Amino acid sequence: MRYILTVLILITSYSYGQDNVTGTYSYSREHFSESLQLNENYTFKYNLRSHFVRQEIIGNYVVVGDSLVLNSFPQRDKIIVRENLKGNFRNKIFLVNHKDGNPFNYQLYLITKSNDTIISKNQNSKTKIKVDDLKSFYIIDSKGLKSPTYFLKGTNTNYFDIQFEHFRVFESEKWIIDKKLKKIKPIGMDNEYQNYYLSK
């Protein structure tokens, strides 16, 4: 009986938390606006507008405690990497394109096994660099969209064919929600919490 009562309380609390957050939350300043519309059927619509970026993303959400968990629909891989060995092992080659095959401007961050970071700025399509003991890397495009950190799978690979998703993807992304003040602290394209709130 105690178990059933506990389950009922949790379900009631969960439903109450979900229903409490529906509505549109937004933030704007000069040449920038961001909004998140939370619907009663647990779907959302996200909009971002700035000088160079215009994106609309739909998906599903749940509320877990003080976190709003967002998942895009349909879900897409943020980055796809195919590893290979070609030529001199010390020469690391990165062939970087959008998923549609088009090249773009990016910055490449290489992380060694000793946790040193090597940055290659203003890159386009192909980067060739000599680096020992490469452990992982990530990419930031010209819009500020940051890929997840990719950890090398092979021990003898030096050629990386990379497909980068140029649209933002929400994958179990946890935004902080304040139900009392009716505001949400978003995560930006750099995968960091922003210094502003979306307000209802």
C-alpha atoms as a PDB file:
ATOM      1  CA  MET A   1       0.000   0.000   0.000  1.00  0.00           C
ATOM      2  CA  ARG A   2       2.851   2.378   0.869  1.00  0.00           C
ATOM      3  CA  TYR A   3       4.466   1.600  -2.517  1.00  0.00           C
ATOM      4  CA  ILE A   4       1.244   2.416  -4.414  1.00  0.00           C
ATOM      5  CA  LEU A   5       0.823   5.673  -2.454  1.00  0.00           C
ATOM      6  CA  THR A   6       4.418   6.696  -3.215  1.00  0.00           C
ATOM      7  CA  VAL A   7       3.950   5.986  -6.928  1.00  0.00           C
ATOM      8  CA  LEU A   8       0.723   8.029  -6.973  1.00  0.00           C
ATOM      9  CA  ILE A   9       2.464  10.970  -5.277  1.00  0.00           C
ATOM     10  CA  LEU A  10       5.351  10.825  -7.777  1.00  0.00           C
ATOM     11  CA  ILE A  11       3.002  10.684 -10.765  1.00  0.00           C
ATOM     12  CA  THR A  12       0.935  13.568  -9.402  1.00  0.00           C
ATOM     13  CA  SER A  13       4.057  15.662  -8.732  1.00  0.00           C
ATOM     14  CA  TYR A  14       5.436  14.848 -12.186  1.00  0.00           C
ATOM     15  CA  SER A  15       2.202  15.809 -13.918  1.00  0.00           C
ATOM     16  CA  TYR A  16       1.895  18.999 -11.867  1.00  0.00           C
ATOM     17  CA  GLY A  17       5.451  19.966 -12.752  1.00  0.00           C
ATOM     18  CA  GLN A  18       4.814  19.362 -16.446  1.00  0.00           C
ATOM     19  CA  ASP A  19       1.564  21.341 -16.545  1.00  0.00           C
ATOM     20  CA  ASN A  20       3.101  24.239 -14.649  1.00  0.00           C
ATOM     21  CA  VAL A  21       5.702  25.064 -17.297  1.00  0.00           C
ATOM     22  CA  THR A  22       3.620  25.321 -20.467  1.00  0.00           C
ATOM     23  CA  GLY A  23       3.781  28.608 -22.353  1.00  0.00           C
ATOM     24  CA  THR A  24       6.337  30.668 -24.267  1.00  0.00           C
ATOM     25  CA  TYR A  25       9.620  31.812 -22.735  1.00  0.00           C
ATOM     26  CA  SER A  26      11.739  34.389 -24.539  1.00  0.00           C
ATOM     27  CA  TYR A  27      14.717  36.723 -24.410  1.00  0.00           C
ATOM     28  CA  SER A  28      15.784  39.438 -26.811  1.00  0.00           C
ATOM     29  CA  ARG A  29      18.356  42.149 -27.235  1.00  0.00           C
ATOM     30  CA  GLU A  30      19.586  44.084 -30.251  1.00  0.00           C
ATOM     31  CA  HIS A  31      19.901  41.768 -33.289  1.00  0.00           C
ATOM     32  CA  PHE A  32      19.257  38.674 -31.153  1.00  0.00           C
ATOM     33  CA  SER A  33      16.174  36.804 -29.982  1.00  0.00           C
ATOM     34  CA  GLU A  34      15.565  33.366 -28.527  1.00  0.00           C
ATOM     35  CA  SER A  35      12.284  31.707 -27.591  1.00  0.00           C
ATOM     36  CA  LEU A  36      11.047  28.347 -26.353  1.00  0.00           C
ATOM     37  CA  GLN A  37       7.395  27.364 -26.594  1.00  0.00           C
ATOM     38  CA  LEU A  38       6.392  24.481 -24.310  1.00  0.00           C
ATOM     39  CA  ASN A  39       3.119  22.808 -25.276  1.00  0.00           C
ATOM     40  CA  GLU A  40       0.709  20.797 -23.130  1.00  0.00           C
ATOM     41  CA  ASN A  41       1.405  17.617 -25.120  1.00  0.00           C
ATOM     42  CA  TYR A  42       5.086  17.764 -24.052  1.00  0.00           C
ATOM     43  CA  THR A  43       6.333  19.030 -27.401  1.00  0.00           C
ATOM     44  CA  PHE A  44       8.346  22.229 -27.864  1.00  0.00           C
ATOM     45  CA  LYS A  45       9.273  24.706 -30.569  1.00  0.00           C
ATOM     46  CA  TYR A  46      12.575  26.574 -30.241  1.00  0.00           C
ATOM     47  CA  ASN A  47      13.504  29.659 -32.278  1.00  0.00           C
ATOM     48  CA  LEU A  48      16.801  31.505 -32.524  1.00  0.00           C
ATOM     49  CA  ARG A  49      17.359  34.669 -34.538  1.00  0.00           C
ATOM     50  CA  SER A  50      20.550  36.709 -34.866  1.00  0.00           C
ATOM     51  CA  HIS A  51      22.628  38.422 -37.564  1.00  0.00           C
ATOM     52  CA  PHE A  52      23.784  35.194 -39.179  1.00  0.00           C
ATOM     53  CA  VAL A  53      21.636  32.474 -37.591  1.00  0.00           C
ATOM     54  CA  ARG A  54      17.972  31.590 -38.044  1.00  0.00           C
ATOM     55  CA  GLN A  55      16.915  28.253 -36.653  1.00  0.00           C
ATOM     56  CA  GLU A  56      13.635  26.633 -35.675  1.00  0.00           C
ATOM     57  CA  ILE A  57      13.766  23.291 -33.881  1.00  0.00           C
ATOM     58  CA  ILE A  58      10.937  21.077 -32.668  1.00  0.00           C
ATOM     59  CA  GLY A  59      11.055  18.199 -30.222  1.00  0.00           C
ATOM     60  CA  ASN A  60       9.841  16.739 -26.957  1.00  0.00           C
ATOM     61  CA  TYR A  61      10.437  17.728 -23.346  1.00  0.00           C
ATOM     62  CA  VAL A  62      10.041  16.403 -19.813  1.00  0.00           C
ATOM     63  CA  VAL A  63      10.492  18.111 -16.464  1.00  0.00           C
ATOM     64  CA  VAL A  64      12.747  16.359 -13.950  1.00  0.00           C
ATOM     65  CA  GLY A  65      13.038  18.287 -10.695  1.00  0.00           C
ATOM     66  CA  ASP A  66      14.322  21.761 -11.588  1.00  0.00           C
ATOM     67  CA  SER A  67      15.533  20.628 -15.027  1.00  0.00           C
ATOM     68  CA  LEU A  68      13.808  20.908 -18.360  1.00  0.00           C
ATOM     69  CA  VAL A  69      15.075  18.046 -20.533  1.00  0.00           C
ATOM     70  CA  LEU A  70      14.904  18.738 -24.288  1.00  0.00           C
ATOM     71  CA  ASN A  71      15.202  16.267 -27.168  1.00  0.00           C
ATOM     72  CA  SER A  72      14.992  17.258 -30.829  1.00  0.00           C
ATOM     73  CA  PHE A  73      12.706  15.399 -33.200  1.00  0.00           C
ATOM     74  CA  PRO A  74      13.773  13.838 -35.428  1.00  0.00           C
ATOM     75  CA  GLN A  75      17.009  13.118 -33.575  1.00  0.00           C
ATOM     76  CA  ARG A  76      20.270  13.518 -35.517  1.00  0.00           C
ATOM     77  CA  ASP A  77      23.940  12.801 -34.826  1.00  0.00           C
ATOM     78  CA  LYS A  78      25.792  16.012 -33.990  1.00  0.00           C
ATOM     79  CA  ILE A  79      28.985  14.683 -35.515  1.00  0.00           C
ATOM     80  CA  ILE A  80      29.931  11.566 -37.493  1.00  0.00           C
ATOM     81  CA  VAL A  81      33.603  10.573 -37.702  1.00  0.00           C
ATOM     82  CA  ARG A  82      35.192   7.875 -39.850  1.00  0.00           C
ATOM     83  CA  GLU A  83      38.770   7.028 -38.858  1.00  0.00           C
ATOM     84  CA  ASN A  84      41.451   5.665 -41.167  1.00  0.00           C
ATOM     85  CA  LEU A  85      45.225   5.427 -41.610  1.00  0.00           C
ATOM     86  CA  LYS A  86      46.721   7.222 -44.602  1.00  0.00           C
ATOM     87  CA  GLY A  87      50.380   8.140 -45.120  1.00  0.00           C
ATOM     88  CA  ASN A  88      52.625   9.345 -42.303  1.00  0.00           C
ATOM     89  CA  PHE A  89      51.022   8.546 -38.933  1.00  0.00           C
ATOM     90  CA  ARG A  90      52.303  11.798 -37.377  1.00  0.00           C
ATOM     91  CA  ASN A  91      50.403  13.867 -39.914  1.00  0.00           C
ATOM     92  CA  LYS A  92      46.834  14.150 -38.700  1.00  0.00           C
ATOM     93  CA  ILE A  93      44.367  15.010 -41.458  1.00  0.00           C
ATOM     94  CA  PHE A  94      40.847  16.248 -40.794  1.00  0.00           C
ATOM     95  CA  LEU A  95      38.394  16.427 -43.692  1.00  0.00           C
ATOM     96  CA  VAL A  96      35.457  18.463 -42.351  1.00  0.00           C
ATOM     97  CA  ASN A  97      32.152  19.080 -44.130  1.00  0.00           C
ATOM     98  CA  HIS A  98      28.503  19.596 -43.335  1.00  0.00           C
ATOM     99  CA  LYS A  99      26.349  16.500 -43.658  1.00  0.00           C
ATOM    100  CA  ASP A 100      25.190  17.751 -47.064  1.00  0.00           C
ATOM    101  CA  GLY A 101      28.825  17.597 -48.235  1.00  0.00           C
ATOM    102  CA  ASN A 102      29.458  21.344 -48.244  1.00  0.00           C
ATOM    103  CA  PRO A 103      32.636  22.740 -46.628  1.00  0.00           C
ATOM    104  CA  PHE A 104      32.455  25.507 -44.018  1.00  0.00           C
ATOM    105  CA  ASN A 105      34.695  27.664 -41.823  1.00  0.00           C
ATOM    106  CA  TYR A 106      35.558  26.193 -38.443  1.00  0.00           C
ATOM    107  CA  GLN A 107      37.995  26.076 -35.558  1.00  0.00           C
ATOM    108  CA  LEU A 108      39.522  22.726 -34.619  1.00  0.00           C
ATOM    109  CA  TYR A 109      40.491  21.972 -31.017  1.00  0.00           C
ATOM    110  CA  LEU A 110      42.867  19.027 -30.570  1.00  0.00           C
ATOM    111  CA  ILE A 111      43.400  17.534 -27.118  1.00  0.00           C
ATOM    112  CA  THR A 112      46.464  15.385 -26.413  1.00  0.00           C
ATOM    113  CA  LYS A 113      46.818  12.576 -23.890  1.00  0.00           C
ATOM    114  CA  SER A 114      48.672  15.016 -21.619  1.00  0.00           C
ATOM    115  CA  ASN A 115      45.579  17.313 -21.841  1.00  0.00           C
ATOM    116  CA  ASP A 116      47.307  20.004 -23.894  1.00  0.00           C
ATOM    117  CA  THR A 117      44.986  21.793 -26.333  1.00  0.00           C
ATOM    118  CA  ILE A 118      46.112  22.752 -29.832  1.00  0.00           C
ATOM    119  CA  ILE A 119      43.848  25.208 -31.669  1.00  0.00           C
ATOM    120  CA  SER A 120      43.669  25.565 -35.446  1.00  0.00           C
ATOM    121  CA  LYS A 121      41.642  28.677 -36.333  1.00  0.00           C
ATOM    122  CA  ASN A 122      40.078  29.820 -39.619  1.00  0.00           C
ATOM    123  CA  GLN A 123      39.997  26.369 -41.161  1.00  0.00           C
ATOM    124  CA  ASN A 124      37.960  25.310 -44.182  1.00  0.00           C
ATOM    125  CA  SER A 125      37.291  21.793 -45.450  1.00  0.00           C
ATOM    126  CA  LYS A 126      40.698  20.262 -44.660  1.00  0.00           C
ATOM    127  CA  THR A 127      43.196  20.600 -41.815  1.00  0.00           C
ATOM    128  CA  LYS A 128      46.607  18.930 -41.783  1.00  0.00           C
ATOM    129  CA  ILE A 129      48.675  19.152 -38.625  1.00  0.00           C
ATOM    130  CA  LYS A 130      51.475  17.243 -36.911  1.00  0.00           C
ATOM    131  CA  VAL A 131      50.549  16.181 -33.396  1.00  0.00           C
ATOM    132  CA  ASP A 132      51.618  13.307 -31.156  1.00  0.00           C
ATOM    133  CA  ASP A 133      49.415  11.387 -28.718  1.00  0.00           C
ATOM    134  CA  LEU A 134      46.115  12.801 -29.923  1.00  0.00           C
ATOM    135  CA  LYS A 135      43.295  11.810 -27.579  1.00  0.00           C
ATOM    136  CA  SER A 136      40.244  13.738 -28.735  1.00  0.00           C
ATOM    137  CA  PHE A 137      38.996  16.792 -30.602  1.00  0.00           C
ATOM    138  CA  TYR A 138      35.999  19.030 -31.126  1.00  0.00           C
ATOM    139  CA  ILE A 139      34.883  21.584 -33.699  1.00  0.00           C
ATOM    140  CA  ILE A 140      33.295  25.035 -33.411  1.00  0.00           C
ATOM    141  CA  ASP A 141      31.741  26.515 -36.544  1.00  0.00           C
ATOM    142  CA  SER A 142      31.513  30.213 -37.471  1.00  0.00           C
ATOM    143  CA  LYS A 143      28.050  30.469 -35.812  1.00  0.00           C
ATOM    144  CA  GLY A 144      29.535  29.329 -32.501  1.00  0.00           C
ATOM    145  CA  LEU A 145      27.946  25.859 -32.686  1.00  0.00           C
ATOM    146  CA  LYS A 146      30.165  23.415 -30.811  1.00  0.00           C
ATOM    147  CA  SER A 147      30.332  19.697 -31.526  1.00  0.00           C
ATOM    148  CA  PRO A 148      30.593  17.106 -28.767  1.00  0.00           C
ATOM    149  CA  THR A 149      34.152  16.077 -27.938  1.00  0.00           C
ATOM    150  CA  TYR A 150      35.081  13.102 -30.082  1.00  0.00           C
ATOM    151  CA  PHE A 151      37.432  10.539 -28.528  1.00  0.00           C
ATOM    152  CA  LEU A 152      39.590   8.529 -30.924  1.00  0.00           C
ATOM    153  CA  LYS A 153      38.544   4.906 -31.319  1.00  0.00           C
ATOM    154  CA  GLY A 154      41.613   3.520 -33.070  1.00  0.00           C
ATOM    155  CA  THR A 155      45.200   3.542 -31.835  1.00  0.00           C
ATOM    156  CA  ASN A 156      46.703   3.751 -35.337  1.00  0.00           C
ATOM    157  CA  THR A 157      44.502   6.262 -37.128  1.00  0.00           C
ATOM    158  CA  ASN A 158      45.491   9.655 -38.508  1.00  0.00           C
ATOM    159  CA  TYR A 159      42.803  10.454 -41.098  1.00  0.00           C
ATOM    160  CA  PHE A 160      39.399  11.677 -39.939  1.00  0.00           C
ATOM    161  CA  ASP A 161      36.483  12.110 -42.337  1.00  0.00           C
ATOM    162  CA  ILE A 162      34.033  14.283 -40.381  1.00  0.00           C
ATOM    163  CA  GLN A 163      30.393  15.151 -41.030  1.00  0.00           C
ATOM    164  CA  PHE A 164      29.226  18.076 -38.895  1.00  0.00           C
ATOM    165  CA  GLU A 165      25.543  18.781 -38.188  1.00  0.00           C
ATOM    166  CA  HIS A 166      25.119  22.517 -38.815  1.00  0.00           C
ATOM    167  CA  PHE A 167      21.654  22.629 -37.231  1.00  0.00           C
ATOM    168  CA  ARG A 168      21.475  22.624 -33.479  1.00  0.00           C
ATOM    169  CA  VAL A 169      20.504  19.288 -31.923  1.00  0.00           C
ATOM    170  CA  PHE A 170      18.986  18.864 -28.463  1.00  0.00           C
ATOM    171  CA  GLU A 171      19.987  15.518 -27.004  1.00  0.00           C
ATOM    172  CA  SER A 172      18.831  15.082 -23.381  1.00  0.00           C
ATOM    173  CA  GLU A 173      19.842  18.713 -22.896  1.00  0.00           C
ATOM    174  CA  LYS A 174      19.066  19.957 -19.372  1.00  0.00           C
ATOM    175  CA  TRP A 175      18.033  23.578 -18.976  1.00  0.00           C
ATOM    176  CA  ILE A 176      17.425  24.994 -15.493  1.00  0.00           C
ATOM    177  CA  ILE A 177      13.839  26.009 -14.844  1.00  0.00           C
ATOM    178  CA  ASP A 178      12.518  28.283 -12.085  1.00  0.00           C
ATOM    179  CA  LYS A 179       8.767  27.595 -11.881  1.00  0.00           C
ATOM    180  CA  LYS A 180       8.097  30.293  -9.280  1.00  0.00           C
ATOM    181  CA  LEU A 181       9.774  33.074 -11.248  1.00  0.00           C
ATOM    182  CA  LYS A 182       8.623  31.567 -14.565  1.00  0.00           C
ATOM    183  CA  LYS A 183      12.013  31.682 -16.222  1.00  0.00           C
ATOM    184  CA  ILE A 184      14.473  29.256 -17.796  1.00  0.00           C
ATOM    185  CA  LYS A 185      18.281  29.379 -17.972  1.00  0.00           C
ATOM    186  CA  PRO A 186      19.226  28.111 -21.442  1.00  0.00           C
ATOM    187  CA  ILE A 187      22.280  26.341 -22.763  1.00  0.00           C
ATOM    188  CA  GLY A 188      23.821  28.045 -25.781  1.00  0.00           C
ATOM    189  CA  MET A 189      25.343  26.679 -28.970  1.00  0.00           C
ATOM    190  CA  ASP A 190      28.664  26.530 -27.099  1.00  0.00           C
ATOM    191  CA  ASN A 191      27.140  23.877 -24.759  1.00  0.00           C
ATOM    192  CA  GLU A 192      27.430  26.267 -21.792  1.00  0.00           C
ATOM    193  CA  TYR A 193      24.740  27.869 -19.610  1.00  0.00           C
ATOM    194  CA  GLN A 194      24.109  31.430 -20.779  1.00  0.00           C
ATOM    195  CA  ASN A 195      24.244  34.562 -18.582  1.00  0.00           C
ATOM    196  CA  TYR A 196      20.577  35.379 -19.216  1.00  0.00           C
ATOM    197  CA  TYR A 197      17.144  33.799 -18.731  1.00  0.00           C
ATOM    198  CA  LEU A 198      14.191  33.155 -21.013  1.00  0.00           C
ATOM    199  CA  SER A 199      11.166  34.684 -19.272  1.00  0.00           C
ATOM    200  CA  LYS A 200       7.488  33.842 -19.599  1.00  0.00           C
END
